[in-house]
Amino acid sequence: MFAYSMHLRSQTQGKGEFTMQLVGYAAPQGARKAEMSAKLGISDGESGAET
């Protein structure tokens, strides 16, 4: 998003602003969850996040 911010400001003479807002979140499922867990070096059951 840094590139977008720089482009916006260059087109608006430094006056342009934008914000981002999280709309939703969905926990990964199946193969994607296993892939991410392996990459982070944790087992599927210990993600560290409270649910």
N, C-alpha and C. Protein backbone atom coordinates (compact mmCIF):
# COMPACT_ATOMS: atom_id res chain seq x y z
N MET A 1 0.81 -1.19 0.00
CA MET A 1 0.00 0.00 0.00
C MET A 1 0.86 1.26 0.00
N PHE A 2 2.16 1.11 0.28
CA PHE A 2 3.04 2.28 0.29
C PHE A 2 3.10 2.93 -1.09
N ALA A 3 3.18 2.12 -2.12
CA ALA A 3 3.24 2.66 -3.48
C ALA A 3 1.96 3.44 -3.80
N TYR A 4 0.82 2.91 -3.38
CA TYR A 4 -0.44 3.61 -3.62
C TYR A 4 -0.45 4.96 -2.91
N SER A 5 0.02 4.98 -1.68
CA SER A 5 0.07 6.20 -0.91
C SER A 5 0.94 7.25 -1.59
N MET A 6 2.11 6.83 -2.06
CA MET A 6 3.00 7.76 -2.75
C MET A 6 2.36 8.29 -4.04
N HIS A 7 1.71 7.40 -4.79
CA HIS A 7 1.05 7.82 -6.03
C HIS A 7 -0.08 8.81 -5.74
N LEU A 8 -0.88 8.50 -4.73
CA LEU A 8 -2.00 9.38 -4.37
C LEU A 8 -1.49 10.76 -4.00
N ARG A 9 -0.46 10.81 -3.17
CA ARG A 9 0.07 12.11 -2.75
C ARG A 9 0.69 12.88 -3.92
N SER A 10 1.34 12.17 -4.82
CA SER A 10 1.94 12.87 -5.97
C SER A 10 0.86 13.44 -6.89
N GLN A 11 -0.28 12.77 -6.99
CA GLN A 11 -1.36 13.24 -7.84
C GLN A 11 -2.20 14.34 -7.19
N THR A 12 -2.08 14.48 -5.85
CA THR A 12 -2.91 15.47 -5.14
C THR A 12 -2.05 16.53 -4.46
N GLN A 13 -0.84 16.72 -4.93
CA GLN A 13 0.10 17.71 -4.39
C GLN A 13 0.30 17.54 -2.89
N GLY A 14 0.39 16.29 -2.45
CA GLY A 14 0.67 15.99 -1.04
C GLY A 14 -0.53 16.07 -0.12
N LYS A 15 -1.71 16.31 -0.65
CA LYS A 15 -2.89 16.50 0.19
C LYS A 15 -3.79 15.26 0.27
N GLY A 16 -3.55 14.28 -0.59
CA GLY A 16 -4.40 13.09 -0.61
C GLY A 16 -4.14 12.18 0.58
N GLU A 17 -5.19 11.61 1.11
CA GLU A 17 -5.10 10.66 2.22
C GLU A 17 -6.01 9.49 1.94
N PHE A 18 -5.69 8.36 2.55
CA PHE A 18 -6.57 7.20 2.47
C PHE A 18 -6.45 6.41 3.76
N THR A 19 -7.46 5.62 4.04
CA THR A 19 -7.43 4.76 5.21
C THR A 19 -7.81 3.35 4.79
N MET A 20 -7.39 2.40 5.57
CA MET A 20 -7.77 1.01 5.34
C MET A 20 -8.51 0.53 6.58
N GLN A 21 -9.50 -0.32 6.35
CA GLN A 21 -10.28 -0.85 7.45
C GLN A 21 -10.49 -2.33 7.22
N LEU A 22 -10.22 -3.14 8.25
CA LEU A 22 -10.44 -4.57 8.17
C LEU A 22 -11.94 -4.84 8.10
N VAL A 23 -12.36 -5.53 7.07
CA VAL A 23 -13.78 -5.81 6.89
C VAL A 23 -14.15 -7.14 7.53
N GLY A 24 -13.25 -8.10 7.46
CA GLY A 24 -13.56 -9.40 8.04
C GLY A 24 -12.32 -10.26 8.12
N TYR A 25 -12.47 -11.38 8.78
CA TYR A 25 -11.38 -12.32 8.93
C TYR A 25 -11.96 -13.72 8.93
N ALA A 26 -11.33 -14.61 8.24
CA ALA A 26 -11.72 -16.02 8.25
C ALA A 26 -10.46 -16.84 8.49
N ALA A 27 -10.52 -17.72 9.45
CA ALA A 27 -9.37 -18.58 9.74
C ALA A 27 -9.11 -19.51 8.57
N PRO A 28 -7.83 -19.79 8.27
CA PRO A 28 -7.51 -20.70 7.17
C PRO A 28 -8.00 -22.11 7.46
N GLN A 29 -8.32 -22.84 6.43
CA GLN A 29 -8.87 -24.19 6.58
C GLN A 29 -8.01 -25.19 5.82
N GLY A 30 -8.07 -26.42 6.20
CA GLY A 30 -7.50 -27.54 5.46
C GLY A 30 -6.03 -27.42 5.12
N ALA A 31 -5.72 -27.60 3.84
CA ALA A 31 -4.34 -27.64 3.36
C ALA A 31 -3.64 -26.31 3.60
N ARG A 32 -4.35 -25.22 3.45
CA ARG A 32 -3.74 -23.90 3.66
C ARG A 32 -3.33 -23.73 5.13
N LYS A 33 -4.17 -24.20 6.05
CA LYS A 33 -3.86 -24.13 7.48
C LYS A 33 -2.62 -24.96 7.79
N ALA A 34 -2.55 -26.15 7.24
CA ALA A 34 -1.40 -27.03 7.47
C ALA A 34 -0.13 -26.41 6.89
N GLU A 35 -0.23 -25.82 5.71
CA GLU A 35 0.92 -25.18 5.06
C GLU A 35 1.43 -24.01 5.90
N MET A 36 0.54 -23.18 6.39
CA MET A 36 0.94 -22.04 7.20
C MET A 36 1.52 -22.48 8.54
N SER A 37 0.93 -23.49 9.15
CA SER A 37 1.42 -24.01 10.43
C SER A 37 2.83 -24.57 10.27
N ALA A 38 3.07 -25.31 9.19
CA ALA A 38 4.39 -25.88 8.94
C ALA A 38 5.41 -24.77 8.72
N LYS A 39 5.02 -23.75 8.00
CA LYS A 39 5.92 -22.63 7.71
C LYS A 39 6.30 -21.88 8.99
N LEU A 40 5.35 -21.77 9.92
CA LEU A 40 5.59 -21.08 11.18
C LEU A 40 6.20 -21.99 12.24
N GLY A 41 6.24 -23.29 11.97
CA GLY A 41 6.83 -24.25 12.90
C GLY A 41 5.96 -24.54 14.10
N ILE A 42 4.64 -24.52 13.92
CA ILE A 42 3.72 -24.85 15.00
C ILE A 42 2.80 -25.96 14.55
N SER A 43 2.23 -26.69 15.53
CA SER A 43 1.26 -27.72 15.16
C SER A 43 -0.09 -27.05 14.95
N ASP A 44 -1.01 -27.72 14.27
CA ASP A 44 -2.32 -27.15 13.96
C ASP A 44 -3.09 -26.73 15.21
N GLY A 45 -2.87 -27.40 16.33
CA GLY A 45 -3.64 -27.14 17.54
C GLY A 45 -3.13 -25.98 18.38
N GLU A 46 -1.94 -25.47 18.11
CA GLU A 46 -1.38 -24.42 18.95
C GLU A 46 -1.05 -23.16 18.17
N SER A 47 -2.06 -22.53 17.62
CA SER A 47 -1.87 -21.34 16.81
C SER A 47 -1.49 -20.12 17.63
N GLY A 48 -1.76 -20.16 18.96
CA GLY A 48 -1.43 -19.03 19.81
C GLY A 48 -2.53 -17.99 19.88
N ALA A 49 -3.54 -18.13 19.07
CA ALA A 49 -4.63 -17.16 19.07
C ALA A 49 -5.79 -17.69 19.91
N GLU A 50 -6.38 -16.78 20.66
CA GLU A 50 -7.56 -17.13 21.45
C GLU A 50 -8.78 -17.10 20.54
N THR A 51 -9.66 -18.04 20.68
CA THR A 51 -10.88 -18.02 19.85
C THR A 51 -12.10 -17.82 20.69
